[in-house]
Amino acid sequence: MATSFLVHEKIWFDKFKYDDAERKFYEQMNGPVPVPSRQSANTSSSSGPSGDHSELVTRISNLEAENQSLRSAIQDLQLTISKLEIRLCTLEKCSPSHRSLAPQTQHVSPMQKVELSTTSPTKKAATPAEDDEEDDDIDLFGSDDEEEDKEAARLREERLRQYAEKKAKKPGLIAKSSILLDVKPWDDETDMAKLEECVRSIQLDGLVWGGSKLVPVGYGIRKLQIQCVVEDDKVGTDILEEEITKFEDYVQSVDIAAFNKI
């Protein structure tokens, strides 16, 4: 069946007809495709070197024209820069600061030059004589220098002594402390006003009493809390406790509640 069908099929034998029909269709749509001939190929191959030579000539001429334009631009820039420099120089010369800073030259006439040249040897000749006089005035033994050295040493010692005396008179830093004392009575029947009066009656060098208050302890008993400032070198806590506990009728004990250095 299949072989008999292919015997009657003629499409592959007529393929060139279909190709020609397709080519004609595309030529009608897009136009005919130019086919290069042998003559054109020969002419193009023969005209290749001459075409390259003409292209080189045109490129060289273009480069020369660009070079000429660049040279003219550079010349114009140089001209403008020279004009600017000339203008800047004229402006600097006309400015008042330049006039004030300019050195003032003194014009000397030929006669003055001659006078100067004639007077200079006399001055040079006079200098050796002056040197001799100065040498005569010099004391070779140096007695004046020794007296000046002694005077300077005496002044230095005097100033050192005055400085030491002033430093000795200057008071040094006094170390102080702030103490908070708790003074406890015997019982609730103790007269706290009298107790505070007894405590404040203690007067010592370097002791200053401050504020006070009554602080409840319990069972109706109150203690005296009093502030004082003492000098550490003069008054100690042991002395304070000893002096306060002397009032045996009112004071049971003394405690230090707080101790701070000032």
C-alpha atoms as a PDB file:
ATOM      1  CA  MET A   1       0.000   0.000   0.000  1.00  0.00           C
ATOM      2  CA  ALA A   2       2.697   2.449   1.032  1.00  0.00           C
ATOM      3  CA  THR A   3       4.905   1.777  -1.956  1.00  0.00           C
ATOM      4  CA  SER A   4       2.080   2.116  -4.356  1.00  0.00           C
ATOM      5  CA  PHE A   5       1.187   5.474  -2.820  1.00  0.00           C
ATOM      6  CA  LEU A   6       4.751   6.813  -3.143  1.00  0.00           C
ATOM      7  CA  VAL A   7       4.856   5.728  -6.806  1.00  0.00           C
ATOM      8  CA  HIS A   8       2.059   8.114  -7.643  1.00  0.00           C
ATOM      9  CA  GLU A   9       3.596  10.988  -5.427  1.00  0.00           C
ATOM     10  CA  LYS A  10       5.508  13.522  -7.648  1.00  0.00           C
ATOM     11  CA  ILE A  11       6.184  16.453  -5.179  1.00  0.00           C
ATOM     12  CA  TRP A  12       9.893  15.700  -4.682  1.00  0.00           C
ATOM     13  CA  PHE A  13      10.504  15.361  -8.377  1.00  0.00           C
ATOM     14  CA  ASP A  14       8.941  18.775  -9.035  1.00  0.00           C
ATOM     15  CA  LYS A  15      10.753  20.542  -6.157  1.00  0.00           C
ATOM     16  CA  PHE A  16      12.594  23.029  -8.425  1.00  0.00           C
ATOM     17  CA  LYS A  17       9.237  24.275  -9.651  1.00  0.00           C
ATOM     18  CA  TYR A  18       8.172  25.050  -6.099  1.00  0.00           C
ATOM     19  CA  ASP A  19      11.531  26.774  -5.391  1.00  0.00           C
ATOM     20  CA  ASP A  20      11.158  28.988  -8.462  1.00  0.00           C
ATOM     21  CA  ALA A  21       7.621  29.886  -7.437  1.00  0.00           C
ATOM     22  CA  GLU A  22       8.771  30.796  -3.912  1.00  0.00           C
ATOM     23  CA  ARG A  23      11.684  32.904  -5.252  1.00  0.00           C
ATOM     24  CA  LYS A  24       9.368  34.810  -7.574  1.00  0.00           C
ATOM     25  CA  PHE A  25       6.948  35.437  -4.734  1.00  0.00           C
ATOM     26  CA  TYR A  26       9.660  36.959  -2.484  1.00  0.00           C
ATOM     27  CA  GLU A  27      11.044  38.994  -5.414  1.00  0.00           C
ATOM     28  CA  GLN A  28       7.643  40.509  -5.965  1.00  0.00           C
ATOM     29  CA  MET A  29       7.392  41.273  -2.266  1.00  0.00           C
ATOM     30  CA  ASN A  30      10.928  42.639  -1.627  1.00  0.00           C
ATOM     31  CA  GLY A  31      12.414  43.271  -5.049  1.00  0.00           C
ATOM     32  CA  PRO A  32      15.049  41.295  -6.971  1.00  0.00           C
ATOM     33  CA  VAL A  33      18.264  40.315  -5.157  1.00  0.00           C
ATOM     34  CA  PRO A  34      21.343  41.779  -6.946  1.00  0.00           C
ATOM     35  CA  VAL A  35      23.832  39.137  -7.957  1.00  0.00           C
ATOM     36  CA  PRO A  36      27.439  40.369  -8.256  1.00  0.00           C
ATOM     37  CA  SER A  37      28.881  39.720 -11.655  1.00  0.00           C
ATOM     38  CA  ARG A  38      32.414  38.743 -12.500  1.00  0.00           C
ATOM     39  CA  GLN A  39      33.146  42.111 -14.088  1.00  0.00           C
ATOM     40  CA  SER A  40      32.144  44.060 -10.973  1.00  0.00           C
ATOM     41  CA  ALA A  41      34.198  41.711  -8.817  1.00  0.00           C
ATOM     42  CA  ASN A  42      37.207  42.255 -11.055  1.00  0.00           C
ATOM     43  CA  THR A  43      36.789  46.043 -10.969  1.00  0.00           C
ATOM     44  CA  SER A  44      36.463  46.077  -7.181  1.00  0.00           C
ATOM     45  CA  SER A  45      39.554  43.944  -6.774  1.00  0.00           C
ATOM     46  CA  SER A  46      41.483  46.092  -9.153  1.00  0.00           C
ATOM     47  CA  SER A  47      40.360  49.341  -7.577  1.00  0.00           C
ATOM     48  CA  GLY A  48      41.153  48.213  -3.951  1.00  0.00           C
ATOM     49  CA  PRO A  49      44.688  49.672  -3.506  1.00  0.00           C
ATOM     50  CA  SER A  50      43.798  52.953  -5.194  1.00  0.00           C
ATOM     51  CA  GLY A  51      40.730  53.333  -2.942  1.00  0.00           C
ATOM     52  CA  ASP A  52      42.889  52.790   0.166  1.00  0.00           C
ATOM     53  CA  HIS A  53      45.408  55.377  -1.057  1.00  0.00           C
ATOM     54  CA  SER A  54      42.688  58.005  -1.572  1.00  0.00           C
ATOM     55  CA  GLU A  55      41.285  57.277   1.909  1.00  0.00           C
ATOM     56  CA  LEU A  56      44.741  57.816   3.428  1.00  0.00           C
ATOM     57  CA  VAL A  57      45.147  61.105   1.574  1.00  0.00           C
ATOM     58  CA  THR A  58      41.796  62.383   2.879  1.00  0.00           C
ATOM     59  CA  ARG A  59      42.615  61.382   6.462  1.00  0.00           C
ATOM     60  CA  ILE A  60      46.008  63.120   6.323  1.00  0.00           C
ATOM     61  CA  SER A  61      44.419  66.294   4.964  1.00  0.00           C
ATOM     62  CA  ASN A  62      41.825  66.198   7.771  1.00  0.00           C
ATOM     63  CA  LEU A  63      44.551  65.793  10.401  1.00  0.00           C
ATOM     64  CA  GLU A  64      46.520  68.708   8.956  1.00  0.00           C
ATOM     65  CA  ALA A  65      43.431  70.911   9.103  1.00  0.00           C
ATOM     66  CA  GLU A  66      42.810  69.937  12.748  1.00  0.00           C
ATOM     67  CA  ASN A  67      46.463  70.588  13.597  1.00  0.00           C
ATOM     68  CA  GLN A  68      46.274  74.034  12.014  1.00  0.00           C
ATOM     69  CA  SER A  69      43.143  74.894  14.004  1.00  0.00           C
ATOM     70  CA  LEU A  70      44.792  73.737  17.254  1.00  0.00           C
ATOM     71  CA  ARG A  71      47.850  75.867  16.550  1.00  0.00           C
ATOM     72  CA  SER A  72      45.733  78.929  15.987  1.00  0.00           C
ATOM     73  CA  ALA A  73      43.839  78.258  19.248  1.00  0.00           C
ATOM     74  CA  ILE A  74      47.121  77.920  21.171  1.00  0.00           C
ATOM     75  CA  GLN A  75      48.418  81.170  19.712  1.00  0.00           C
ATOM     76  CA  ASP A  76      45.237  82.961  20.768  1.00  0.00           C
ATOM     77  CA  LEU A  77      45.600  81.601  24.315  1.00  0.00           C
ATOM     78  CA  GLN A  78      49.240  82.712  24.517  1.00  0.00           C
ATOM     79  CA  LEU A  79      48.258  86.178  23.367  1.00  0.00           C
ATOM     80  CA  THR A  80      45.509  86.511  25.987  1.00  0.00           C
ATOM     81  CA  ILE A  81      47.864  85.269  28.752  1.00  0.00           C
ATOM     82  CA  SER A  82      50.510  87.838  27.810  1.00  0.00           C
ATOM     83  CA  LYS A  83      47.879  90.594  27.866  1.00  0.00           C
ATOM     84  CA  LEU A  84      46.716  89.483  31.318  1.00  0.00           C
ATOM     85  CA  GLU A  85      50.292  89.467  32.641  1.00  0.00           C
ATOM     86  CA  ILE A  86      50.878  92.994  31.359  1.00  0.00           C
ATOM     87  CA  ARG A  87      47.647  94.183  32.958  1.00  0.00           C
ATOM     88  CA  LEU A  88      48.516  92.533  36.281  1.00  0.00           C
ATOM     89  CA  CYS A  89      51.939  94.180  36.327  1.00  0.00           C
ATOM     90  CA  THR A  90      50.413  97.599  35.697  1.00  0.00           C
ATOM     91  CA  LEU A  91      47.847  97.081  38.471  1.00  0.00           C
ATOM     92  CA  GLU A  92      50.558  96.048  40.955  1.00  0.00           C
ATOM     93  CA  LYS A  93      52.633  99.096  40.091  1.00  0.00           C
ATOM     94  CA  CYS A  94      49.651 101.397  40.573  1.00  0.00           C
ATOM     95  CA  SER A  95      48.592  99.911  43.958  1.00  0.00           C
ATOM     96  CA  PRO A  96      49.548 101.975  47.109  1.00  0.00           C
ATOM     97  CA  SER A  97      50.930  98.928  48.959  1.00  0.00           C
ATOM     98  CA  HIS A  98      53.434  98.352  46.167  1.00  0.00           C
ATOM     99  CA  ARG A  99      54.514 101.997  46.364  1.00  0.00           C
ATOM    100  CA  SER A 100      55.026 101.793  50.127  1.00  0.00           C
ATOM    101  CA  LEU A 101      56.976  98.530  49.890  1.00  0.00           C
ATOM    102  CA  ALA A 102      59.149  99.729  47.005  1.00  0.00           C
ATOM    103  CA  PRO A 103      62.682 100.537  48.160  1.00  0.00           C
ATOM    104  CA  GLN A 104      63.511 104.223  48.101  1.00  0.00           C
ATOM    105  CA  THR A 105      66.670 104.730  46.132  1.00  0.00           C
ATOM    106  CA  GLN A 106      68.848 107.626  47.016  1.00  0.00           C
ATOM    107  CA  HIS A 107      70.360 109.512  44.152  1.00  0.00           C
ATOM    108  CA  VAL A 108      73.975 110.413  44.795  1.00  0.00           C
ATOM    109  CA  SER A 109      75.713 112.972  42.756  1.00  0.00           C
ATOM    110  CA  PRO A 110      79.250 112.393  41.507  1.00  0.00           C
ATOM    111  CA  MET A 111      80.606 115.039  43.937  1.00  0.00           C
ATOM    112  CA  GLN A 112      79.147 113.199  46.926  1.00  0.00           C
ATOM    113  CA  LYS A 113      80.725 109.952  45.723  1.00  0.00           C
ATOM    114  CA  VAL A 114      84.109 111.635  45.598  1.00  0.00           C
ATOM    115  CA  GLU A 115      83.682 113.069  49.115  1.00  0.00           C
ATOM    116  CA  LEU A 116      82.699 109.677  50.504  1.00  0.00           C
ATOM    117  CA  SER A 117      85.685 107.993  48.900  1.00  0.00           C
ATOM    118  CA  THR A 118      88.026 110.631  50.349  1.00  0.00           C
ATOM    119  CA  THR A 119      86.630 110.514  53.892  1.00  0.00           C
ATOM    120  CA  SER A 120      86.576 106.735  54.308  1.00  0.00           C
ATOM    121  CA  PRO A 121      90.395 106.251  54.681  1.00  0.00           C
ATOM    122  CA  THR A 122      90.552 108.780  57.527  1.00  0.00           C
ATOM    123  CA  LYS A 123      87.848 106.908  59.408  1.00  0.00           C
ATOM    124  CA  LYS A 124      89.678 103.643  58.860  1.00  0.00           C
ATOM    125  CA  ALA A 125      92.864 105.222  60.067  1.00  0.00           C
ATOM    126  CA  ALA A 126      91.166 106.579  63.190  1.00  0.00           C
ATOM    127  CA  THR A 127      89.858 103.201  64.312  1.00  0.00           C
ATOM    128  CA  PRO A 128      93.252 101.740  65.424  1.00  0.00           C
ATOM    129  CA  ALA A 129      93.803 104.700  67.745  1.00  0.00           C
ATOM    130  CA  GLU A 130      90.382 104.244  69.290  1.00  0.00           C
ATOM    131  CA  ASP A 131      91.106 100.550  69.773  1.00  0.00           C
ATOM    132  CA  ASP A 132      94.293 101.400  71.632  1.00  0.00           C
ATOM    133  CA  GLU A 133      92.408 103.758  73.971  1.00  0.00           C
ATOM    134  CA  GLU A 134      89.828 101.070  74.699  1.00  0.00           C
ATOM    135  CA  ASP A 135      92.600  98.579  75.464  1.00  0.00           C
ATOM    136  CA  ASP A 136      94.082 101.048  77.984  1.00  0.00           C
ATOM    137  CA  ASP A 137      90.731 101.293  79.817  1.00  0.00           C
ATOM    138  CA  ILE A 138      90.457  97.503  80.311  1.00  0.00           C
ATOM    139  CA  ASP A 139      91.348  96.301  83.822  1.00  0.00           C
ATOM    140  CA  LEU A 140      93.329  93.121  83.441  1.00  0.00           C
ATOM    141  CA  PHE A 141      92.952  92.122  87.115  1.00  0.00           C
ATOM    142  CA  GLY A 142      89.139  92.273  87.058  1.00  0.00           C
ATOM    143  CA  SER A 143      88.596  94.057  90.392  1.00  0.00           C
ATOM    144  CA  ASP A 144      85.306  95.646  89.250  1.00  0.00           C
ATOM    145  CA  ASP A 145      83.934  92.280  88.149  1.00  0.00           C
ATOM    146  CA  GLU A 146      84.698  90.741  91.527  1.00  0.00           C
ATOM    147  CA  GLU A 147      82.893  93.555  93.331  1.00  0.00           C
ATOM    148  CA  GLU A 148      79.864  93.128  91.062  1.00  0.00           C
ATOM    149  CA  ASP A 149      79.838  89.361  91.696  1.00  0.00           C
ATOM    150  CA  LYS A 150      79.910  89.909  95.459  1.00  0.00           C
ATOM    151  CA  GLU A 151      77.056  92.422  95.247  1.00  0.00           C
ATOM    152  CA  ALA A 152      74.963  90.046  93.138  1.00  0.00           C
ATOM    153  CA  ALA A 153      75.599  87.179  95.574  1.00  0.00           C
ATOM    154  CA  ARG A 154      74.616  89.379  98.528  1.00  0.00           C
ATOM    155  CA  LEU A 155      71.372  90.431  96.794  1.00  0.00           C
ATOM    156  CA  ARG A 156      70.557  86.838  95.961  1.00  0.00           C
ATOM    157  CA  GLU A 157      71.075  85.716  99.554  1.00  0.00           C
ATOM    158  CA  GLU A 158      68.949  88.598 100.820  1.00  0.00           C
ATOM    159  CA  ARG A 159      66.093  87.681  98.509  1.00  0.00           C
ATOM    160  CA  LEU A 160      66.299  84.014  99.487  1.00  0.00           C
ATOM    161  CA  ARG A 161      66.146  84.944 103.171  1.00  0.00           C
ATOM    162  CA  GLN A 162      63.102  87.182 102.621  1.00  0.00           C
ATOM    163  CA  TYR A 163      61.361  84.402 100.697  1.00  0.00           C
ATOM    164  CA  ALA A 164      62.042  81.882 103.475  1.00  0.00           C
ATOM    165  CA  GLU A 165      60.676  84.281 106.139  1.00  0.00           C
ATOM    166  CA  LYS A 166      57.534  84.949 104.089  1.00  0.00           C
ATOM    167  CA  LYS A 167      56.981  81.230 103.549  1.00  0.00           C
ATOM    168  CA  ALA A 168      57.411  80.529 107.278  1.00  0.00           C
ATOM    169  CA  LYS A 169      54.812  83.183 108.189  1.00  0.00           C
ATOM    170  CA  LYS A 170      52.267  81.765 105.733  1.00  0.00           C
ATOM    171  CA  PRO A 171      49.727  79.599 107.641  1.00  0.00           C
ATOM    172  CA  GLY A 172      49.586  75.965 106.633  1.00  0.00           C
ATOM    173  CA  LEU A 173      46.519  73.877 105.932  1.00  0.00           C
ATOM    174  CA  ILE A 174      44.673  72.971 109.149  1.00  0.00           C
ATOM    175  CA  ALA A 175      43.117  69.509 109.222  1.00  0.00           C
ATOM    176  CA  LYS A 176      39.592  69.505 110.683  1.00  0.00           C
ATOM    177  CA  SER A 177      36.923  66.874 111.316  1.00  0.00           C
ATOM    178  CA  SER A 178      33.164  66.971 111.750  1.00  0.00           C
ATOM    179  CA  ILE A 179      31.901  64.694 114.574  1.00  0.00           C
ATOM    180  CA  LEU A 180      28.305  63.730 115.457  1.00  0.00           C
ATOM    181  CA  LEU A 181      27.996  62.617 119.119  1.00  0.00           C
ATOM    182  CA  ASP A 182      25.223  60.611 120.787  1.00  0.00           C
ATOM    183  CA  VAL A 183      24.972  61.549 124.480  1.00  0.00           C
ATOM    184  CA  LYS A 184      22.693  59.132 126.391  1.00  0.00           C
ATOM    185  CA  PRO A 185      21.055  60.055 129.734  1.00  0.00           C
ATOM    186  CA  TRP A 186      20.366  57.719 132.678  1.00  0.00           C
ATOM    187  CA  ASP A 187      16.587  57.592 132.393  1.00  0.00           C
ATOM    188  CA  ASP A 188      13.528  59.455 131.178  1.00  0.00           C
ATOM    189  CA  GLU A 189      13.587  61.759 134.211  1.00  0.00           C
ATOM    190  CA  THR A 190      16.932  63.334 133.279  1.00  0.00           C
ATOM    191  CA  ASP A 191      16.752  67.044 132.451  1.00  0.00           C
ATOM    192  CA  MET A 192      17.875  67.079 128.796  1.00  0.00           C
ATOM    193  CA  ALA A 193      18.151  70.870 128.677  1.00  0.00           C
ATOM    194  CA  LYS A 194      20.558  70.794 131.589  1.00  0.00           C
ATOM    195  CA  LEU A 195      22.463  67.948 129.963  1.00  0.00           C
ATOM    196  CA  GLU A 196      22.923  69.953 126.724  1.00  0.00           C
ATOM    197  CA  GLU A 197      23.992  72.978 128.742  1.00  0.00           C
ATOM    198  CA  CYS A 198      26.657  70.903 130.487  1.00  0.00           C
ATOM    199  CA  VAL A 199      27.932  69.522 127.184  1.00  0.00           C
ATOM    200  CA  ARG A 200      28.140  72.967 125.588  1.00  0.00           C
ATOM    201  CA  SER A 201      29.969  74.308 128.615  1.00  0.00           C
ATOM    202  CA  ILE A 202      33.043  72.333 127.519  1.00  0.00           C
ATOM    203  CA  GLN A 203      35.365  74.855 125.865  1.00  0.00           C
ATOM    204  CA  LEU A 204      38.593  73.663 124.236  1.00  0.00           C
ATOM    205  CA  ASP A 205      41.049  75.219 121.791  1.00  0.00           C
ATOM    206  CA  GLY A 206      40.076  73.944 118.340  1.00  0.00           C
ATOM    207  CA  LEU A 207      36.509  72.899 119.347  1.00  0.00           C
ATOM    208  CA  VAL A 208      33.364  74.497 117.931  1.00  0.00           C
ATOM    209  CA  TRP A 209      29.883  73.237 118.843  1.00  0.00           C
ATOM    210  CA  GLY A 210      27.168  73.036 116.216  1.00  0.00           C
ATOM    211  CA  GLY A 211      23.486  72.131 116.055  1.00  0.00           C
ATOM    212  CA  SER A 212      21.766  69.548 118.257  1.00  0.00           C
ATOM    213  CA  LYS A 213      18.479  67.635 118.560  1.00  0.00           C
ATOM    214  CA  LEU A 214      16.755  65.125 120.840  1.00  0.00           C
ATOM    215  CA  VAL A 215      16.232  61.674 119.336  1.00  0.00           C
ATOM    216  CA  PRO A 216      13.819  59.212 121.005  1.00  0.00           C
ATOM    217  CA  VAL A 217      15.374  55.902 122.024  1.00  0.00           C
ATOM    218  CA  GLY A 218      12.477  54.043 123.712  1.00  0.00           C
ATOM    219  CA  TYR A 219      10.383  53.901 126.883  1.00  0.00           C
ATOM    220  CA  GLY A 220      10.215  57.703 126.966  1.00  0.00           C
ATOM    221  CA  ILE A 221      14.002  58.057 126.951  1.00  0.00           C
ATOM    222  CA  ARG A 222      15.603  60.511 124.501  1.00  0.00           C
ATOM    223  CA  LYS A 223      19.276  60.964 123.673  1.00  0.00           C
ATOM    224  CA  LEU A 224      21.098  64.186 122.759  1.00  0.00           C
ATOM    225  CA  GLN A 225      22.579  64.202 119.256  1.00  0.00           C
ATOM    226  CA  ILE A 226      25.004  67.131 118.931  1.00  0.00           C
ATOM    227  CA  GLN A 227      27.361  68.250 116.106  1.00  0.00           C
ATOM    228  CA  CYS A 228      30.865  69.669 116.604  1.00  0.00           C
ATOM    229  CA  VAL A 229      33.921  70.590 114.503  1.00  0.00           C
ATOM    230  CA  VAL A 230      37.408  69.944 115.887  1.00  0.00           C
ATOM    231  CA  GLU A 231      40.973  70.557 114.769  1.00  0.00           C
ATOM    232  CA  ASP A 232      42.690  67.193 114.518  1.00  0.00           C
ATOM    233  CA  ASP A 233      45.988  68.428 115.945  1.00  0.00           C
ATOM    234  CA  LYS A 234      44.351  69.968 119.032  1.00  0.00           C
ATOM    235  CA  VAL A 235      41.229  67.975 119.956  1.00  0.00           C
ATOM    236  CA  GLY A 236      40.669  64.218 119.766  1.00  0.00           C
ATOM    237  CA  THR A 237      37.639  61.999 120.305  1.00  0.00           C
ATOM    238  CA  ASP A 238      39.073  60.584 123.552  1.00  0.00           C
ATOM    239  CA  ILE A 239      39.312  64.040 125.097  1.00  0.00           C
ATOM    240  CA  LEU A 240      35.708  64.820 124.111  1.00  0.00           C
ATOM    241  CA  GLU A 241      34.360  61.588 125.605  1.00  0.00           C
ATOM    242  CA  GLU A 242      36.336  62.111 128.793  1.00  0.00           C
ATOM    243  CA  GLU A 243      35.148  65.688 129.232  1.00  0.00           C
ATOM    244  CA  ILE A 244      31.480  64.839 128.571  1.00  0.00           C
ATOM    245  CA  THR A 245      31.391  61.795 130.886  1.00  0.00           C
ATOM    246  CA  LYS A 246      32.584  64.004 133.755  1.00  0.00           C
ATOM    247  CA  PHE A 247      28.969  65.084 134.161  1.00  0.00           C
ATOM    248  CA  GLU A 248      27.997  61.807 135.876  1.00  0.00           C
ATOM    249  CA  ASP A 249      24.658  63.077 137.190  1.00  0.00           C
ATOM    250  CA  TYR A 250      23.289  63.523 133.635  1.00  0.00           C
ATOM    251  CA  VAL A 251      25.429  61.461 131.223  1.00  0.00           C
ATOM    252  CA  GLN A 252      25.404  57.680 131.083  1.00  0.00           C
ATOM    253  CA  SER A 253      27.563  57.185 127.947  1.00  0.00           C
ATOM    254  CA  VAL A 254      28.897  58.907 124.815  1.00  0.00           C
ATOM    255  CA  ASP A 255      29.039  57.335 121.345  1.00  0.00           C
ATOM    256  CA  ILE A 256      30.375  58.645 118.004  1.00  0.00           C
ATOM    257  CA  ALA A 257      27.535  58.462 115.478  1.00  0.00           C
ATOM    258  CA  ALA A 258      29.476  59.924 112.517  1.00  0.00           C
ATOM    259  CA  PHE A 259      33.035  61.111 111.829  1.00  0.00           C
ATOM    260  CA  ASN A 260      33.966  63.005 108.640  1.00  0.00           C
ATOM    261  CA  LYS A 261      37.157  64.761 107.550  1.00  0.00           C
ATOM    262  CA  ILE A 262      36.753  68.319 106.294  1.00  0.00           C
END
